[in-house]
PDB file of N, CA and C in Angstrom:
ATOM      1  N   MET A   1      80.458 126.320 166.690  1.00  0.00           N
ATOM      2  CA  MET A   1      81.183 127.738 166.857  1.00  0.00           C
ATOM      3  C   MET A   1      81.279 128.509 165.694  1.00  0.00           C
ATOM      4  N   GLN A   2      81.174 129.937 166.575  1.00  0.00           N
ATOM      5  CA  GLN A   2      80.492 130.958 164.853  1.00  0.00           C
ATOM      6  C   GLN A   2      81.604 132.044 164.903  1.00  0.00           C
ATOM      7  N   PHE A   3      81.551 132.364 163.620  1.00  0.00           N
ATOM      8  CA  PHE A   3      82.398 132.867 163.252  1.00  0.00           C
ATOM      9  C   PHE A   3      81.966 134.564 162.725  1.00  0.00           C
ATOM     10  N   ASN A   4      82.548 135.279 162.912  1.00  0.00           N
ATOM     11  CA  ASN A   4      81.764 137.048 162.483  1.00  0.00           C
ATOM     12  C   ASN A   4      82.197 136.588 160.830  1.00  0.00           C
ATOM     13  N   VAL A   5      81.283 137.082 159.872  1.00  0.00           N
ATOM     14  CA  VAL A   5      81.326 136.922 158.602  1.00  0.00           C
ATOM     15  C   VAL A   5      81.334 138.994 158.472  1.00  0.00           C
ATOM     16  N   PRO A   6      82.485 139.424 157.331  1.00  0.00           N
ATOM     17  CA  PRO A   6      82.450 141.049 156.766  1.00  0.00           C
ATOM     18  C   PRO A   6      81.591 141.121 155.927  1.00  0.00           C
ATOM     19  N   GLN A   7      81.143 142.424 156.367  1.00  0.00           N
ATOM     20  CA  GLN A   7      79.783 142.569 155.548  1.00  0.00           C
ATOM     21  C   GLN A   7      80.335 144.189 155.050  1.00  0.00           C
ATOM     22  N   PHE A   8      79.849 144.097 153.930  1.00  0.00           N
ATOM     23  CA  PHE A   8      80.175 145.752 152.988  1.00  0.00           C
ATOM     24  C   PHE A   8      81.748 145.310 152.541  1.00  0.00           C
ATOM     25  N   ILE A   9      82.077 144.360 152.203  1.00  0.00           N
ATOM     26  CA  ILE A   9      83.289 144.336 151.739  1.00  0.00           C
ATOM     27  C   ILE A   9      83.845 144.895 150.087  1.00  0.00           C
ATOM     28  N   ASP A  10      82.119 145.196 149.191  1.00  0.00           N
ATOM     29  CA  ASP A  10      82.698 145.726 148.323  1.00  0.00           C
ATOM     30  C   ASP A  10      83.286 147.692 148.053  1.00  0.00           C
ATOM     31  N   ILE A  11      82.934 148.073 149.632  1.00  0.00           N
ATOM     32  CA  ILE A  11      83.152 149.526 149.876  1.00  0.00           C
ATOM     33  C   ILE A  11      84.656 149.606 150.388  1.00  0.00           C
ATOM     34  N   GLU A  12      84.887 150.639 149.763  1.00  0.00           N
ATOM     35  CA  GLU A  12      86.529 150.795 149.870  1.00  0.00           C
ATOM     36  C   GLU A  12      86.409 151.465 151.360  1.00  0.00           C
ATOM     37  N   ASP A  13      87.666 151.868 152.068  1.00  0.00           N
ATOM     38  CA  ASP A  13      87.750 152.487 152.931  1.00  0.00           C
ATOM     39  C   ASP A  13      87.960 153.262 152.786  1.00  0.00           C
ATOM     40  N   LYS A  14      87.449 154.521 153.637  1.00  0.00           N
ATOM     41  CA  LYS A  14      87.793 155.936 153.750  1.00  0.00           C
ATOM     42  C   LYS A  14      88.993 156.304 154.212  1.00  0.00           C
ATOM     43  N   VAL A  15      90.170 156.557 153.844  1.00  0.00           N
ATOM     44  CA  VAL A  15      91.147 157.172 154.633  1.00  0.00           C
ATOM     45  C   VAL A  15      91.409 158.551 154.311  1.00  0.00           C
ATOM     46  N   VAL A  16      91.188 159.633 153.470  1.00  0.00           N
ATOM     47  CA  VAL A  16      91.193 160.832 153.794  1.00  0.00           C
ATOM     48  C   VAL A  16      89.896 161.453 153.534  1.00  0.00           C
ATOM     49  N   GLY A  17      89.878 161.827 155.072  1.00  0.00           N
ATOM     50  CA  GLY A  17      88.008 162.146 155.060  1.00  0.00           C
ATOM     51  C   GLY A  17      86.892 160.900 154.729  1.00  0.00           C
ATOM     52  N   PRO A  18      86.028 161.925 153.933  1.00  0.00           N
ATOM     53  CA  PRO A  18      85.326 161.288 153.061  1.00  0.00           C
ATOM     54  C   PRO A  18      85.814 159.917 151.978  1.00  0.00           C
ATOM     55  N   LEU A  19      87.091 160.354 151.475  1.00  0.00           N
ATOM     56  CA  LEU A  19      87.329 160.416 150.427  1.00  0.00           C
ATOM     57  C   LEU A  19      88.015 158.380 150.256  1.00  0.00           C
ATOM     58  N   SER A  20      88.645 157.897 149.378  1.00  0.00           N
ATOM     59  CA  SER A  20      89.103 156.501 149.527  1.00  0.00           C
ATOM     60  C   SER A  20      89.928 157.025 149.253  1.00  0.00           C
ATOM     61  N   LEU A  21      91.249 156.062 149.093  1.00  0.00           N
ATOM     62  CA  LEU A  21      92.570 156.350 148.614  1.00  0.00           C
ATOM     63  C   LEU A  21      92.699 156.678 147.358  1.00  0.00           C
ATOM     64  N   LYS A  22      91.294 155.971 146.386  1.00  0.00           N
ATOM     65  CA  LYS A  22      91.906 156.114 144.545  1.00  0.00           C
ATOM     66  C   LYS A  22      90.996 157.404 144.901  1.00  0.00           C
ATOM     67  N   GLN A  23      90.048 157.748 145.440  1.00  0.00           N
ATOM     68  CA  GLN A  23      89.472 159.058 145.023  1.00  0.00           C
ATOM     69  C   GLN A  23      90.697 159.973 145.193  1.00  0.00           C
ATOM     70  N   PHE A  24      91.336 160.234 146.704  1.00  0.00           N
ATOM     71  CA  PHE A  24      91.820 161.398 147.145  1.00  0.00           C
ATOM     72  C   PHE A  24      93.337 161.554 145.911  1.00  0.00           C
ATOM     73  N   GLY A  25      93.299 160.338 145.085  1.00  0.00           N
ATOM     74  CA  GLY A  25      94.578 160.310 144.262  1.00  0.00           C
ATOM     75  C   GLY A  25      94.446 160.763 142.652  1.00  0.00           C
ATOM     76  N   TYR A  26      92.869 160.536 142.337  1.00  0.00           N
ATOM     77  CA  TYR A  26      92.463 161.157 141.288  1.00  0.00           C
ATOM     78  C   TYR A  26      92.491 162.969 141.461  1.00  0.00           C
ATOM     79  N   LEU A  27      91.885 163.087 142.821  1.00  0.00           N
ATOM     80  CA  LEU A  27      91.782 164.325 142.943  1.00  0.00           C
ATOM     81  C   LEU A  27      93.535 165.332 143.486  1.00  0.00           C
ATOM     82  N   ALA A  28      94.115 164.224 143.543  1.00  0.00           N
ATOM     83  CA  ALA A  28      95.478 165.031 143.826  1.00  0.00           C
ATOM     84  C   ALA A  28      96.754 165.241 142.329  1.00  0.00           C
ATOM     85  N   ALA A  29      96.392 163.790 141.481  1.00  0.00           N
ATOM     86  CA  ALA A  29      96.891 164.248 140.535  1.00  0.00           C
ATOM     87  C   ALA A  29      96.277 164.906 139.670  1.00  0.00           C
ATOM     88  N   CYS A  30      94.913 165.174 139.679  1.00  0.00           N
ATOM     89  CA  CYS A  30      94.063 166.306 139.370  1.00  0.00           C
ATOM     90  C   CYS A  30      94.776 167.944 139.552  1.00  0.00           C
ATOM     91  N   GLY A  31      95.276 167.700 140.737  1.00  0.00           N
ATOM     92  CA  GLY A  31      95.872 169.152 141.379  1.00  0.00           C
ATOM     93  C   GLY A  31      96.997 169.598 140.981  1.00  0.00           C
ATOM     94  N   ALA A  32      97.727 168.603 140.528  1.00  0.00           N
ATOM     95  CA  ALA A  32      99.200 168.369 139.878  1.00  0.00           C
ATOM     96  C   ALA A  32      98.945 168.911 138.377  1.00  0.00           C
ATOM     97  N   VAL A  33      98.381 168.341 137.829  1.00  0.00           N
ATOM     98  CA  VAL A  33      98.387 168.726 136.398  1.00  0.00           C
ATOM     99  C   VAL A  33      97.973 170.374 136.474  1.00  0.00           C
ATOM    100  N   LEU A  34      96.976 170.644 137.141  1.00  0.00           N
ATOM    101  CA  LEU A  34      96.660 171.711 137.441  1.00  0.00           C
ATOM    102  C   LEU A  34      97.509 172.917 137.827  1.00  0.00           C
ATOM    103  N   PHE A  35      98.592 172.629 138.752  1.00  0.00           N
ATOM    104  CA  PHE A  35      99.279 173.166 139.257  1.00  0.00           C
ATOM    105  C   PHE A  35     100.269 173.531 137.792  1.00  0.00           C
ATOM    106  N   MET A  36     100.890 171.934 137.152  1.00  0.00           N
ATOM    107  CA  MET A  36     101.905 172.512 135.972  1.00  0.00           C
ATOM    108  C   MET A  36     101.348 173.306 135.192  1.00  0.00           C
ATOM    109  N   LEU A  37      99.838 173.589 134.951  1.00  0.00           N
ATOM    110  CA  LEU A  37      99.875 174.219 133.934  1.00  0.00           C
ATOM    111  C   LEU A  37      99.745 175.577 134.474  1.00  0.00           C
ATOM    112  N   TYR A  38      99.318 175.921 135.533  1.00  0.00           N
ATOM    113  CA  TYR A  38      99.100 177.264 135.761  1.00  0.00           C
ATOM    114  C   TYR A  38     101.177 177.846 135.822  1.00  0.00           C
ATOM    115  N   ARG A  39     101.830 177.219 136.681  1.00  0.00           N
ATOM    116  CA  ARG A  39     102.984 177.460 136.272  1.00  0.00           C
ATOM    117  C   ARG A  39     103.629 177.697 134.968  1.00  0.00           C
ATOM    118  N   PHE A  40     103.317 177.303 134.179  1.00  0.00           N
ATOM    119  CA  PHE A  40     103.942 177.032 132.886  1.00  0.00           C
ATOM    120  C   PHE A  40     102.871 177.608 131.450  1.00  0.00           C
ATOM    121  N   VAL A  41     101.739 177.918 131.569  1.00  0.00           N
ATOM    122  CA  VAL A  41     101.129 178.120 130.495  1.00  0.00           C
ATOM    123  C   VAL A  41     100.479 179.398 130.543  1.00  0.00           C
ATOM    124  N   ASN A  42      99.807 180.461 129.805  1.00  0.00           N
ATOM    125  CA  ASN A  42      99.336 181.869 129.747  1.00  0.00           C
ATOM    126  C   ASN A  42      97.984 181.631 130.316  1.00  0.00           C
ATOM    127  N   PHE A  43      97.332 182.309 131.450  1.00  0.00           N
ATOM    128  CA  PHE A  43      96.276 182.397 132.078  1.00  0.00           C
ATOM    129  C   PHE A  43      95.063 182.037 131.680  1.00  0.00           C
ATOM    130  N   THR A  44      94.483 182.441 130.437  1.00  0.00           N
ATOM    131  CA  THR A  44      93.564 181.912 129.564  1.00  0.00           C
ATOM    132  C   THR A  44      93.625 180.577 129.059  1.00  0.00           C
ATOM    133  N   VAL A  45      94.467 180.420 128.435  1.00  0.00           N
ATOM    134  CA  VAL A  45      95.360 178.612 128.539  1.00  0.00           C
ATOM    135  C   VAL A  45      94.891 177.940 129.790  1.00  0.00           C
ATOM    136  N   PHE A  46      95.408 178.180 130.759  1.00  0.00           N
ATOM    137  CA  PHE A  46      94.861 177.401 132.122  1.00  0.00           C
ATOM    138  C   PHE A  46      93.658 177.484 132.436  1.00  0.00           C
ATOM    139  N   ILE A  47      93.062 178.852 131.897  1.00  0.00           N
ATOM    140  CA  ILE A  47      91.303 178.401 132.189  1.00  0.00           C
ATOM    141  C   ILE A  47      90.906 177.609 130.946  1.00  0.00           C
ATOM    142  N   ILE A  48      91.096 177.640 129.887  1.00  0.00           N
ATOM    143  CA  ILE A  48      90.567 176.698 128.835  1.00  0.00           C
ATOM    144  C   ILE A  48      90.513 175.000 128.984  1.00  0.00           C
ATOM    145  N   VAL A  49      91.863 175.186 129.503  1.00  0.00           N
ATOM    146  CA  VAL A  49      92.149 173.507 130.020  1.00  0.00           C
ATOM    147  C   VAL A  49      91.957 172.977 131.550  1.00  0.00           C
ATOM    148  N   ALA A  50      91.929 173.912 132.343  1.00  0.00           N
ATOM    149  CA  ALA A  50      91.573 173.768 133.236  1.00  0.00           C
ATOM    150  C   ALA A  50      90.095 173.128 133.809  1.00  0.00           C
ATOM    151  N   ILE A  51      89.023 174.200 133.305  1.00  0.00           N
ATOM    152  CA  ILE A  51      87.541 173.543 133.379  1.00  0.00           C
ATOM    153  C   ILE A  51      87.348 172.343 133.108  1.00  0.00           C
ATOM    154  N   PRO A  52      87.734 171.895 132.159  1.00  0.00           N
ATOM    155  CA  PRO A  52      87.413 170.421 131.378  1.00  0.00           C
ATOM    156  C   PRO A  52      87.931 169.385 132.593  1.00  0.00           C
ATOM    157  N   THR A  53      89.356 169.514 132.783  1.00  0.00           N
ATOM    158  CA  THR A  53      90.031 168.792 133.561  1.00  0.00           C
ATOM    159  C   THR A  53      89.451 168.302 134.900  1.00  0.00           C
ATOM    160  N   VAL A  54      88.650 169.614 135.353  1.00  0.00           N
ATOM    161  CA  VAL A  54      88.216 169.589 136.735  1.00  0.00           C
ATOM    162  C   VAL A  54      86.862 168.702 136.743  1.00  0.00           C
ATOM    163  N   ILE A  55      85.892 169.058 135.911  1.00  0.00           N
ATOM    164  CA  ILE A  55      85.100 168.391 135.226  1.00  0.00           C
ATOM    165  C   ILE A  55      85.252 166.622 135.519  1.00  0.00           C
ATOM    166  N   PHE A  56      86.456 166.491 134.680  1.00  0.00           N
ATOM    167  CA  PHE A  56      86.692 165.245 134.036  1.00  0.00           C
ATOM    168  C   PHE A  56      87.046 164.261 136.134  1.00  0.00           C
ATOM    169  N   ALA A  57      87.578 165.224 136.385  1.00  0.00           N
ATOM    170  CA  ALA A  57      88.425 164.643 137.325  1.00  0.00           C
ATOM    171  C   ALA A  57      86.970 164.133 138.922  1.00  0.00           C
ATOM    172  N   LEU A  58      86.064 165.610 138.289  1.00  0.00           N
ATOM    173  CA  LEU A  58      85.566 165.224 139.592  1.00  0.00           C
ATOM    174  C   LEU A  58      84.289 164.365 139.308  1.00  0.00           C
ATOM    175  N   ALA A  59      84.304 164.054 137.767  1.00  0.00           N
ATOM    176  CA  ALA A  59      83.139 163.101 137.289  1.00  0.00           C
ATOM    177  C   ALA A  59      83.588 161.502 138.227  1.00  0.00           C
ATOM    178  N   ALA A  60      85.322 161.483 137.707  1.00  0.00           N
ATOM    179  CA  ALA A  60      85.881 160.122 137.930  1.00  0.00           C
ATOM    180  C   ALA A  60      85.628 159.838 139.222  1.00  0.00           C
ATOM    181  N   VAL A  61      85.724 160.889 139.861  1.00  0.00           N
ATOM    182  CA  VAL A  61      85.487 160.657 141.614  1.00  0.00           C
ATOM    183  C   VAL A  61      84.625 160.306 141.856  1.00  0.00           C
ATOM    184  N   PHE A  62      83.318 160.942 141.823  1.00  0.00           N
ATOM    185  CA  PHE A  62      82.523 161.050 142.496  1.00  0.00           C
ATOM    186  C   PHE A  62      81.043 160.411 141.919  1.00  0.00           C
ATOM    187  N   LEU A  63      80.966 160.676 140.386  1.00  0.00           N
ATOM    188  CA  LEU A  63      80.122 160.287 139.355  1.00  0.00           C
ATOM    189  C   LEU A  63      79.806 158.802 139.329  1.00  0.00           C
ATOM    190  N   LYS A  64      78.655 158.085 139.317  1.00  0.00           N
ATOM    191  CA  LYS A  64      78.400 156.428 138.986  1.00  0.00           C
ATOM    192  C   LYS A  64      77.379 156.746 138.216  1.00  0.00           C
ATOM    193  N   ILE A  65      77.326 155.730 137.146  1.00  0.00           N
ATOM    194  CA  ILE A  65      76.362 155.406 136.254  1.00  0.00           C
ATOM    195  C   ILE A  65      75.709 154.435 136.216  1.00  0.00           C
ATOM    196  N   ASN A  66      74.464 153.785 136.660  1.00  0.00           N
ATOM    197  CA  ASN A  66      74.220 152.742 136.793  1.00  0.00           C
ATOM    198  C   ASN A  66      74.627 151.257 137.681  1.00  0.00           C
ATOM    199  N   GLY A  67      75.289 152.384 138.589  1.00  0.00           N
ATOM    200  CA  GLY A  67      75.935 151.997 139.572  1.00  0.00           C
ATOM    201  C   GLY A  67      77.493 151.040 139.369  1.00  0.00           C
ATOM    202  N   ARG A  68      78.158 151.542 137.918  1.00  0.00           N
ATOM    203  CA  ARG A  68      79.223 151.891 137.815  1.00  0.00           C
ATOM    204  C   ARG A  68      79.824 152.950 137.848  1.00  0.00           C
ATOM    205  N   PRO A  69      81.150 152.677 138.276  1.00  0.00           N
ATOM    206  CA  PRO A  69      81.921 154.277 138.419  1.00  0.00           C
ATOM    207  C   PRO A  69      82.233 154.388 137.124  1.00  0.00           C
ATOM    208  N   PHE A  70      82.488 155.877 136.407  1.00  0.00           N
ATOM    209  CA  PHE A  70      82.325 156.733 135.591  1.00  0.00           C
ATOM    210  C   PHE A  70      83.478 156.263 134.923  1.00  0.00           C
ATOM    211  N   LEU A  71      84.738 156.055 135.471  1.00  0.00           N
ATOM    212  CA  LEU A  71      85.957 155.561 134.357  1.00  0.00           C
ATOM    213  C   LEU A  71      85.789 154.074 134.403  1.00  0.00           C
ATOM    214  N   LYS A  72      85.120 153.020 134.606  1.00  0.00           N
ATOM    215  CA  LYS A  72      84.636 152.333 133.824  1.00  0.00           C
ATOM    216  C   LYS A  72      83.497 152.206 132.806  1.00  0.00           C
ATOM    217  N   VAL A  73      82.783 153.069 132.781  1.00  0.00           N
ATOM    218  CA  VAL A  73      81.688 153.294 131.744  1.00  0.00           C
ATOM    219  C   VAL A  73      82.184 154.499 130.522  1.00  0.00           C
ATOM    220  N   PHE A  74      83.286 154.884 130.843  1.00  0.00           N
ATOM    221  CA  PHE A  74      84.488 156.221 130.135  1.00  0.00           C
ATOM    222  C   PHE A  74      85.000 155.253 129.266  1.00  0.00           C
ATOM    223  N   GLY A  75      85.870 154.251 129.754  1.00  0.00           N
ATOM    224  CA  GLY A  75      86.569 153.208 129.143  1.00  0.00           C
ATOM    225  C   GLY A  75      85.696 152.279 128.473  1.00  0.00           C
ATOM    226  N   ALA A  76      84.671 151.866 128.698  1.00  0.00           N
ATOM    227  CA  ALA A  76      84.005 151.128 127.743  1.00  0.00           C
ATOM    228  C   ALA A  76      82.968 151.865 126.569  1.00  0.00           C
ATOM    229  N   SER A  77      83.045 153.462 127.086  1.00  0.00           N
ATOM    230  CA  SER A  77      82.512 154.214 125.738  1.00  0.00           C
ATOM    231  C   SER A  77      83.426 154.072 124.152  1.00  0.00           C
ATOM    232  N   ILE A  78      84.644 154.510 125.046  1.00  0.00           N
ATOM    233  CA  ILE A  78      86.240 154.780 124.271  1.00  0.00           C
ATOM    234  C   ILE A  78      86.197 153.577 123.491  1.00  0.00           C
ATOM    235  N   ALA A  79      86.053 151.989 124.035  1.00  0.00           N
ATOM    236  CA  ALA A  79      86.228 150.895 123.844  1.00  0.00           C
ATOM    237  C   ALA A  79      85.317 150.762 122.475  1.00  0.00           C
ATOM    238  N   TYR A  80      84.132 150.731 122.713  1.00  0.00           N
ATOM    239  CA  TYR A  80      83.077 151.292 122.091  1.00  0.00           C
ATOM    240  C   TYR A  80      83.000 151.695 120.614  1.00  0.00           C
ATOM    241  N   PHE A  81      83.970 152.907 120.724  1.00  0.00           N
ATOM    242  CA  PHE A  81      83.718 153.737 119.226  1.00  0.00           C
ATOM    243  C   PHE A  81      85.277 153.502 118.764  1.00  0.00           C
ATOM    244  N   ILE A  82      85.794 152.892 119.165  1.00  0.00           N
ATOM    245  CA  ILE A  82      87.425 152.633 118.547  1.00  0.00           C
ATOM    246  C   ILE A  82      87.087 151.477 117.497  1.00  0.00           C
ATOM    247  N   LYS A  83      86.648 149.870 118.293  1.00  0.00           N
ATOM    248  CA  LYS A  83      86.736 148.720 118.081  1.00  0.00           C
ATOM    249  C   LYS A  83      85.908 148.803 116.564  1.00  0.00           C
ATOM    250  N   PRO A  84      85.955 148.049 115.803  1.00  0.00           N
ATOM    251  CA  PRO A  84      85.453 148.305 114.461  1.00  0.00           C
ATOM    252  C   PRO A  84      84.029 147.137 114.738  1.00  0.00           C
ATOM    253  N   LYS A  85      83.563 147.513 114.343  1.00  0.00           N
ATOM    254  CA  LYS A  85      81.803 147.330 114.199  1.00  0.00           C
ATOM    255  C   LYS A  85      81.416 146.216 113.390  1.00  0.00           C
ATOM    256  N   ILE A  86      82.089 145.166 112.779  1.00  0.00           N
ATOM    257  CA  ILE A  86      81.905 144.751 111.896  1.00  0.00           C
ATOM    258  C   ILE A  86      81.182 143.061 112.120  1.00  0.00           C
ATOM    259  N   PHE A  87      79.475 142.976 111.657  1.00  0.00           N
ATOM    260  CA  PHE A  87      78.963 141.893 112.363  1.00  0.00           C
ATOM    261  C   PHE A  87      79.046 141.000 111.146  1.00  0.00           C
ATOM    262  N   VAL A  88      79.377 139.821 111.051  1.00  0.00           N
ATOM    263  CA  VAL A  88      79.255 138.765 109.940  1.00  0.00           C
ATOM    264  C   VAL A  88      78.280 137.221 110.445  1.00  0.00           C
ATOM    265  N   TRP A  89      77.990 137.415 109.408  1.00  0.00           N
ATOM    266  CA  TRP A  89      76.581 136.814 109.589  1.00  0.00           C
ATOM    267  C   TRP A  89      76.648 135.551 108.462  1.00  0.00           C
ATOM    268  N   LYS A  90      77.059 134.505 108.948  1.00  0.00           N
ATOM    269  CA  LYS A  90      77.808 133.081 107.650  1.00  0.00           C
ATOM    270  C   LYS A  90      75.835 131.729 107.812  1.00  0.00           C
ATOM    271  N   ARG A  91      75.268 132.130 107.173  1.00  0.00           N
ATOM    272  CA  ARG A  91      73.935 131.198 106.487  1.00  0.00           C
ATOM    273  C   ARG A  91      74.465 129.644 106.771  1.00  0.00           C
ATOM    274  N   LYS A  92      73.544 128.935 107.619  1.00  0.00           N
ATOM    275  CA  LYS A  92      73.930 127.273 107.867  1.00  0.00           C
ATOM    276  C   LYS A  92      72.998 126.784 106.282  1.00  0.00           C
ATOM    277  N   LYS A  93      73.959 125.882 105.953  1.00  0.00           N
ATOM    278  CA  LYS A  93      73.429 124.989 104.584  1.00  0.00           C
ATOM    279  C   LYS A  93      72.903 123.766 105.174  1.00  0.00           C
ATOM    280  N   PRO A  94      70.981 124.036 104.730  1.00  0.00           N
ATOM    281  CA  PRO A  94      70.550 122.643 105.002  1.00  0.00           C
ATOM    282  C   PRO A  94      70.782 121.450 104.971  1.00  0.00           C
TER     283      PRO A  94
END
């Protein structure tokens, strides 16, 4: 008896055009933040905050570093800089 083995199980389903649901959620959240900023702050402040926000959102959606998603790399780098770097070496007595 033969069974079909699913392939490409590590690839997320494309729900909204070429984007997965997670990617679309990141872009929608970025759009919501930008809309709120546009409504409640000065235009120059909006531009100053919007440019890094859009760059971060696009990196979170599309950028992969060494095959890993940008958010995982970003989280690992933040954890690296926050955690203490104390290395204790204990000499074994003969």
